[in-house]
Amino acid sequence: MTQSEKMEIITLVEQSSVSVKATLQELGINRSTFYQWRSAAAV
């Protein structure tokens, strides 16, 4: 997955009206993977 795709997912999850867990389940992305991406993007 490209960096821009990861950033798009991070934005989508953070702006979602439902929980992070529910959004990630719908997208099929593991929570630990998401938090790794978000941490790396913050650097």
N, C-alpha and C. Protein backbone atom coordinates (compact mmCIF):
# COMPACT_ATOMS: atom_id res chain seq x y z
N MET A 1 0.84 -1.17 0.00
CA MET A 1 0.00 0.00 0.00
C MET A 1 0.90 1.24 0.00
N THR A 2 0.54 2.21 -0.82
CA THR A 2 1.37 3.41 -0.92
C THR A 2 1.16 4.33 0.28
N GLN A 3 2.10 5.24 0.47
CA GLN A 3 2.00 6.19 1.57
C GLN A 3 0.75 7.06 1.43
N SER A 4 0.42 7.46 0.21
CA SER A 4 -0.76 8.29 0.02
C SER A 4 -2.05 7.52 0.34
N GLU A 5 -2.08 6.23 0.04
CA GLU A 5 -3.23 5.41 0.39
C GLU A 5 -3.37 5.29 1.91
N LYS A 6 -2.24 5.12 2.57
CA LYS A 6 -2.26 5.04 4.04
C LYS A 6 -2.77 6.34 4.64
N MET A 7 -2.31 7.47 4.11
CA MET A 7 -2.75 8.77 4.61
C MET A 7 -4.26 8.96 4.37
N GLU A 8 -4.73 8.50 3.25
CA GLU A 8 -6.16 8.59 2.94
C GLU A 8 -6.98 7.78 3.95
N ILE A 9 -6.49 6.60 4.28
CA ILE A 9 -7.18 5.75 5.26
C ILE A 9 -7.14 6.39 6.64
N ILE A 10 -6.00 6.93 7.04
CA ILE A 10 -5.88 7.61 8.34
C ILE A 10 -6.90 8.73 8.43
N THR A 11 -6.99 9.54 7.40
CA THR A 11 -7.95 10.64 7.38
C THR A 11 -9.38 10.13 7.44
N LEU A 12 -9.68 9.11 6.66
CA LEU A 12 -11.01 8.53 6.64
C LEU A 12 -11.41 8.03 8.03
N VAL A 13 -10.51 7.30 8.67
CA VAL A 13 -10.80 6.73 9.99
C VAL A 13 -10.99 7.84 11.02
N GLU A 14 -10.13 8.84 10.99
CA GLU A 14 -10.21 9.91 11.99
C GLU A 14 -11.45 10.78 11.81
N GLN A 15 -11.99 10.87 10.60
CA GLN A 15 -13.17 11.69 10.35
C GLN A 15 -14.47 10.89 10.40
N SER A 16 -14.37 9.60 10.59
CA SER A 16 -15.55 8.74 10.61
C SER A 16 -16.42 9.05 11.82
N SER A 17 -17.73 8.91 11.63
CA SER A 17 -18.66 9.16 12.73
C SER A 17 -18.80 7.95 13.65
N VAL A 18 -18.26 6.81 13.23
CA VAL A 18 -18.28 5.61 14.08
C VAL A 18 -16.89 5.40 14.67
N SER A 19 -16.77 4.42 15.53
CA SER A 19 -15.50 4.21 16.23
C SER A 19 -14.38 3.79 15.28
N VAL A 20 -13.16 4.01 15.74
CA VAL A 20 -11.99 3.58 14.98
C VAL A 20 -12.06 2.08 14.73
N LYS A 21 -12.38 1.34 15.77
CA LYS A 21 -12.46 -0.12 15.65
C LYS A 21 -13.46 -0.54 14.58
N ALA A 22 -14.65 0.04 14.61
CA ALA A 22 -15.68 -0.32 13.64
C ALA A 22 -15.27 0.06 12.21
N THR A 23 -14.68 1.23 12.06
CA THR A 23 -14.25 1.68 10.74
C THR A 23 -13.18 0.77 10.18
N LEU A 24 -12.20 0.43 11.01
CA LEU A 24 -11.12 -0.44 10.55
C LEU A 24 -11.62 -1.84 10.22
N GLN A 25 -12.57 -2.33 11.01
CA GLN A 25 -13.15 -3.65 10.70
C GLN A 25 -13.82 -3.62 9.34
N GLU A 26 -14.54 -2.54 9.05
CA GLU A 26 -15.22 -2.41 7.77
C GLU A 26 -14.21 -2.36 6.62
N LEU A 27 -13.07 -1.74 6.87
CA LEU A 27 -12.03 -1.62 5.84
C LEU A 27 -11.14 -2.86 5.76
N GLY A 28 -11.22 -3.72 6.77
CA GLY A 28 -10.39 -4.91 6.80
C GLY A 28 -8.95 -4.64 7.17
N ILE A 29 -8.74 -3.63 8.01
CA ILE A 29 -7.39 -3.23 8.43
C ILE A 29 -7.25 -3.47 9.93
N ASN A 30 -6.17 -4.11 10.31
CA ASN A 30 -5.89 -4.40 11.71
C ASN A 30 -5.61 -3.09 12.46
N ARG A 31 -6.12 -2.98 13.69
CA ARG A 31 -5.91 -1.75 14.46
C ARG A 31 -4.43 -1.47 14.71
N SER A 32 -3.64 -2.48 15.00
CA SER A 32 -2.22 -2.24 15.26
C SER A 32 -1.53 -1.71 14.00
N THR A 33 -1.93 -2.20 12.84
CA THR A 33 -1.38 -1.70 11.57
C THR A 33 -1.73 -0.23 11.40
N PHE A 34 -3.00 0.10 11.64
CA PHE A 34 -3.44 1.48 11.52
C PHE A 34 -2.64 2.40 12.43
N TYR A 35 -2.46 2.02 13.69
CA TYR A 35 -1.74 2.87 14.64
C TYR A 35 -0.25 2.98 14.29
N GLN A 36 0.31 1.96 13.68
CA GLN A 36 1.70 2.05 13.19
C GLN A 36 1.79 3.06 12.06
N TRP A 37 0.84 3.02 11.14
CA TRP A 37 0.81 3.98 10.04
C TRP A 37 0.66 5.39 10.57
N ARG A 38 -0.26 5.57 11.52
CA ARG A 38 -0.52 6.91 12.06
C ARG A 38 0.69 7.45 12.80
N SER A 39 1.36 6.59 13.54
CA SER A 39 2.56 6.99 14.25
C SER A 39 3.65 7.39 13.28
N ALA A 40 3.83 6.63 12.24
CA ALA A 40 4.87 6.92 11.23
C ALA A 40 4.54 8.22 10.49
N ALA A 41 3.27 8.47 10.26
CA ALA A 41 2.86 9.68 9.53
C ALA A 41 3.08 10.94 10.37
N ALA A 42 3.07 10.80 11.67
CA ALA A 42 3.23 11.94 12.57
C ALA A 42 4.68 12.40 12.67
N VAL A 43 5.60 11.60 12.19
CA VAL A 43 7.03 11.92 12.30
C VAL A 43 7.45 12.96 11.30
